[in-house]
Amino acid sequence: MQINVNNHKPNDIIKFMRQSTNLTQDEFAKAIGKSKAWQQSNELGRSNYYFKDLLKIAKTFNFDIIIKRKD
């Protein structure tokens, strides 16, 4: 699955990533060293994760992050 981040909010992206792993919020959060509350808060858009969190998710679940410049 590819996600164009320009078309989605940060909370949608982290939710899509979790759902693609077929894990619960608790299981997903624990796998990256976070709490279920952290995951819930991010999925609901109440808080924003850092790029370092996105990198940890990518490494843990073998996601590719591709950064492309618009021309």
N, C-alpha and C. Protein backbone atom coordinates (compact mmCIF):
# COMPACT_ATOMS: atom_id res chain seq x y z
N MET A 1 0.85 -1.17 0.00
CA MET A 1 0.00 0.00 0.00
C MET A 1 0.90 1.24 0.00
N GLN A 2 0.54 2.21 -0.79
CA GLN A 2 1.24 3.49 -0.79
C GLN A 2 0.28 4.56 -0.29
N ILE A 3 0.80 5.44 0.52
CA ILE A 3 0.00 6.54 1.04
C ILE A 3 0.67 7.84 0.63
N ASN A 4 -0.06 8.69 -0.05
CA ASN A 4 0.43 10.02 -0.38
C ASN A 4 0.06 10.91 0.81
N VAL A 5 1.07 11.31 1.58
CA VAL A 5 0.80 12.05 2.81
C VAL A 5 0.15 13.40 2.57
N ASN A 6 0.27 13.93 1.37
CA ASN A 6 -0.36 15.22 1.08
C ASN A 6 -1.88 15.12 1.07
N ASN A 7 -2.39 13.91 0.93
CA ASN A 7 -3.83 13.70 0.85
C ASN A 7 -4.47 13.32 2.18
N HIS A 8 -3.66 13.22 3.24
CA HIS A 8 -4.17 12.73 4.52
C HIS A 8 -3.63 13.53 5.70
N LYS A 9 -4.35 13.48 6.79
CA LYS A 9 -3.89 14.09 8.04
C LYS A 9 -2.95 13.11 8.74
N PRO A 10 -2.05 13.63 9.59
CA PRO A 10 -1.12 12.74 10.29
C PRO A 10 -1.81 11.63 11.08
N ASN A 11 -2.96 11.93 11.68
CA ASN A 11 -3.64 10.89 12.47
C ASN A 11 -4.18 9.78 11.56
N ASP A 12 -4.58 10.12 10.33
CA ASP A 12 -5.04 9.08 9.40
C ASP A 12 -3.88 8.17 9.01
N ILE A 13 -2.73 8.75 8.80
CA ILE A 13 -1.57 7.98 8.36
C ILE A 13 -1.15 6.96 9.41
N ILE A 14 -1.06 7.38 10.66
CA ILE A 14 -0.64 6.44 11.69
C ILE A 14 -1.71 5.35 11.90
N LYS A 15 -2.96 5.71 11.71
CA LYS A 15 -4.04 4.71 11.82
C LYS A 15 -3.96 3.71 10.66
N PHE A 16 -3.73 4.20 9.43
CA PHE A 16 -3.58 3.31 8.28
C PHE A 16 -2.42 2.35 8.50
N MET A 17 -1.31 2.88 9.03
CA MET A 17 -0.15 2.04 9.27
C MET A 17 -0.48 0.94 10.27
N ARG A 18 -1.14 1.30 11.35
CA ARG A 18 -1.50 0.29 12.35
C ARG A 18 -2.46 -0.73 11.76
N GLN A 19 -3.47 -0.27 11.07
CA GLN A 19 -4.45 -1.19 10.50
C GLN A 19 -3.82 -2.16 9.50
N SER A 20 -2.81 -1.71 8.79
CA SER A 20 -2.15 -2.59 7.81
C SER A 20 -1.36 -3.71 8.50
N THR A 21 -1.06 -3.55 9.77
CA THR A 21 -0.36 -4.59 10.52
C THR A 21 -1.32 -5.57 11.17
N ASN A 22 -2.61 -5.25 11.13
CA ASN A 22 -3.65 -6.08 11.78
C ASN A 22 -3.43 -6.21 13.28
N LEU A 23 -2.88 -5.17 13.89
CA LEU A 23 -2.66 -5.16 15.34
C LEU A 23 -3.64 -4.21 16.00
N THR A 24 -3.92 -4.46 17.27
CA THR A 24 -4.72 -3.54 18.04
C THR A 24 -3.88 -2.31 18.36
N GLN A 25 -4.52 -1.26 18.84
CA GLN A 25 -3.77 -0.07 19.23
C GLN A 25 -2.74 -0.42 20.30
N ASP A 26 -3.13 -1.25 21.25
CA ASP A 26 -2.23 -1.63 22.33
C ASP A 26 -1.03 -2.43 21.81
N GLU A 27 -1.28 -3.41 20.95
CA GLU A 27 -0.20 -4.23 20.41
C GLU A 27 0.76 -3.40 19.56
N PHE A 28 0.21 -2.53 18.73
CA PHE A 28 1.01 -1.67 17.87
C PHE A 28 1.89 -0.75 18.70
N ALA A 29 1.27 -0.10 19.68
CA ALA A 29 2.01 0.84 20.53
C ALA A 29 3.12 0.15 21.30
N LYS A 30 2.83 -1.01 21.86
CA LYS A 30 3.85 -1.74 22.62
C LYS A 30 5.03 -2.13 21.74
N ALA A 31 4.75 -2.48 20.49
CA ALA A 31 5.82 -2.89 19.58
C ALA A 31 6.82 -1.76 19.31
N ILE A 32 6.36 -0.51 19.46
CA ILE A 32 7.27 0.62 19.22
C ILE A 32 7.64 1.34 20.52
N GLY A 33 7.31 0.71 21.65
CA GLY A 33 7.70 1.27 22.95
C GLY A 33 6.83 2.42 23.42
N LYS A 34 5.59 2.45 22.97
CA LYS A 34 4.66 3.51 23.36
C LYS A 34 3.47 2.90 24.10
N SER A 35 2.63 3.76 24.65
CA SER A 35 1.43 3.30 25.36
C SER A 35 0.23 3.29 24.44
N LYS A 36 -0.79 2.55 24.83
CA LYS A 36 -2.04 2.55 24.08
C LYS A 36 -2.63 3.96 24.04
N ALA A 37 -2.51 4.70 25.15
CA ALA A 37 -3.02 6.07 25.21
C ALA A 37 -2.32 6.95 24.18
N TRP A 38 -1.03 6.75 23.98
CA TRP A 38 -0.28 7.51 22.98
C TRP A 38 -0.85 7.23 21.59
N GLN A 39 -1.08 5.95 21.30
CA GLN A 39 -1.61 5.56 20.00
C GLN A 39 -3.00 6.13 19.78
N GLN A 40 -3.85 6.00 20.78
CA GLN A 40 -5.21 6.52 20.68
C GLN A 40 -5.21 8.03 20.43
N SER A 41 -4.39 8.72 21.18
CA SER A 41 -4.31 10.18 21.07
C SER A 41 -3.88 10.60 19.67
N ASN A 42 -2.93 9.88 19.10
CA ASN A 42 -2.46 10.18 17.75
C ASN A 42 -3.50 9.83 16.70
N GLU A 43 -4.16 8.71 16.85
CA GLU A 43 -5.18 8.32 15.87
C GLU A 43 -6.38 9.26 15.89
N LEU A 44 -6.68 9.81 17.04
CA LEU A 44 -7.80 10.74 17.16
C LEU A 44 -7.41 12.17 16.79
N GLY A 45 -6.13 12.42 16.56
CA GLY A 45 -5.67 13.75 16.18
C GLY A 45 -5.53 14.70 17.36
N ARG A 46 -5.52 14.17 18.56
CA ARG A 46 -5.37 15.01 19.76
C ARG A 46 -3.92 15.41 19.99
N SER A 47 -3.02 14.61 19.47
CA SER A 47 -1.60 14.94 19.56
C SER A 47 -0.94 14.50 18.26
N ASN A 48 0.27 14.96 18.05
CA ASN A 48 1.01 14.62 16.84
C ASN A 48 2.28 13.89 17.20
N TYR A 49 2.58 12.86 16.44
CA TYR A 49 3.80 12.11 16.64
C TYR A 49 4.96 12.84 15.96
N TYR A 50 6.16 12.47 16.34
CA TYR A 50 7.36 13.07 15.77
C TYR A 50 7.87 12.20 14.62
N PHE A 51 8.71 12.78 13.80
CA PHE A 51 9.30 12.03 12.69
C PHE A 51 10.08 10.83 13.22
N LYS A 52 10.72 10.99 14.36
CA LYS A 52 11.47 9.86 14.94
C LYS A 52 10.52 8.70 15.26
N ASP A 53 9.28 9.00 15.64
CA ASP A 53 8.29 7.95 15.89
C ASP A 53 7.93 7.25 14.58
N LEU A 54 7.77 8.02 13.52
CA LEU A 54 7.47 7.45 12.21
C LEU A 54 8.61 6.54 11.75
N LEU A 55 9.84 6.96 11.99
CA LEU A 55 10.99 6.13 11.63
C LEU A 55 11.01 4.83 12.43
N LYS A 56 10.67 4.91 13.70
CA LYS A 56 10.61 3.71 14.55
C LYS A 56 9.54 2.75 14.04
N ILE A 57 8.38 3.28 13.67
CA ILE A 57 7.30 2.46 13.12
C ILE A 57 7.78 1.79 11.83
N ALA A 58 8.41 2.55 10.96
CA ALA A 58 8.89 2.02 9.68
C ALA A 58 9.90 0.90 9.89
N LYS A 59 10.80 1.10 10.81
CA LYS A 59 11.83 0.09 11.09
C LYS A 59 11.21 -1.16 11.71
N THR A 60 10.33 -0.97 12.66
CA THR A 60 9.71 -2.09 13.37
C THR A 60 8.85 -2.96 12.45
N PHE A 61 8.08 -2.30 11.58
CA PHE A 61 7.11 -3.03 10.76
C PHE A 61 7.52 -3.14 9.28
N ASN A 62 8.76 -2.78 8.99
CA ASN A 62 9.30 -2.92 7.64
C ASN A 62 8.52 -2.10 6.60
N PHE A 63 8.22 -0.87 6.95
CA PHE A 63 7.61 0.07 6.00
C PHE A 63 8.72 0.87 5.34
N ASP A 64 8.52 1.28 4.10
CA ASP A 64 9.43 2.19 3.43
C ASP A 64 8.88 3.60 3.55
N ILE A 65 9.75 4.53 3.84
CA ILE A 65 9.40 5.95 3.82
C ILE A 65 10.14 6.54 2.62
N ILE A 66 9.39 7.08 1.70
CA ILE A 66 9.98 7.65 0.50
C ILE A 66 9.68 9.15 0.51
N ILE A 67 10.73 9.93 0.47
CA ILE A 67 10.58 11.39 0.48
C ILE A 67 10.87 11.88 -0.94
N LYS A 68 9.87 12.52 -1.48
CA LYS A 68 9.94 12.97 -2.86
C LYS A 68 9.68 14.47 -2.93
N ARG A 69 10.49 15.18 -3.62
CA ARG A 69 10.31 16.60 -3.79
C ARG A 69 9.36 16.87 -4.94
N LYS A 70 8.44 17.80 -4.69
CA LYS A 70 7.55 18.21 -5.77
C LYS A 70 8.30 19.17 -6.68
N ASP A 71 8.09 19.03 -7.94
CA ASP A 71 8.71 19.97 -8.89
C ASP A 71 7.70 20.91 -9.44
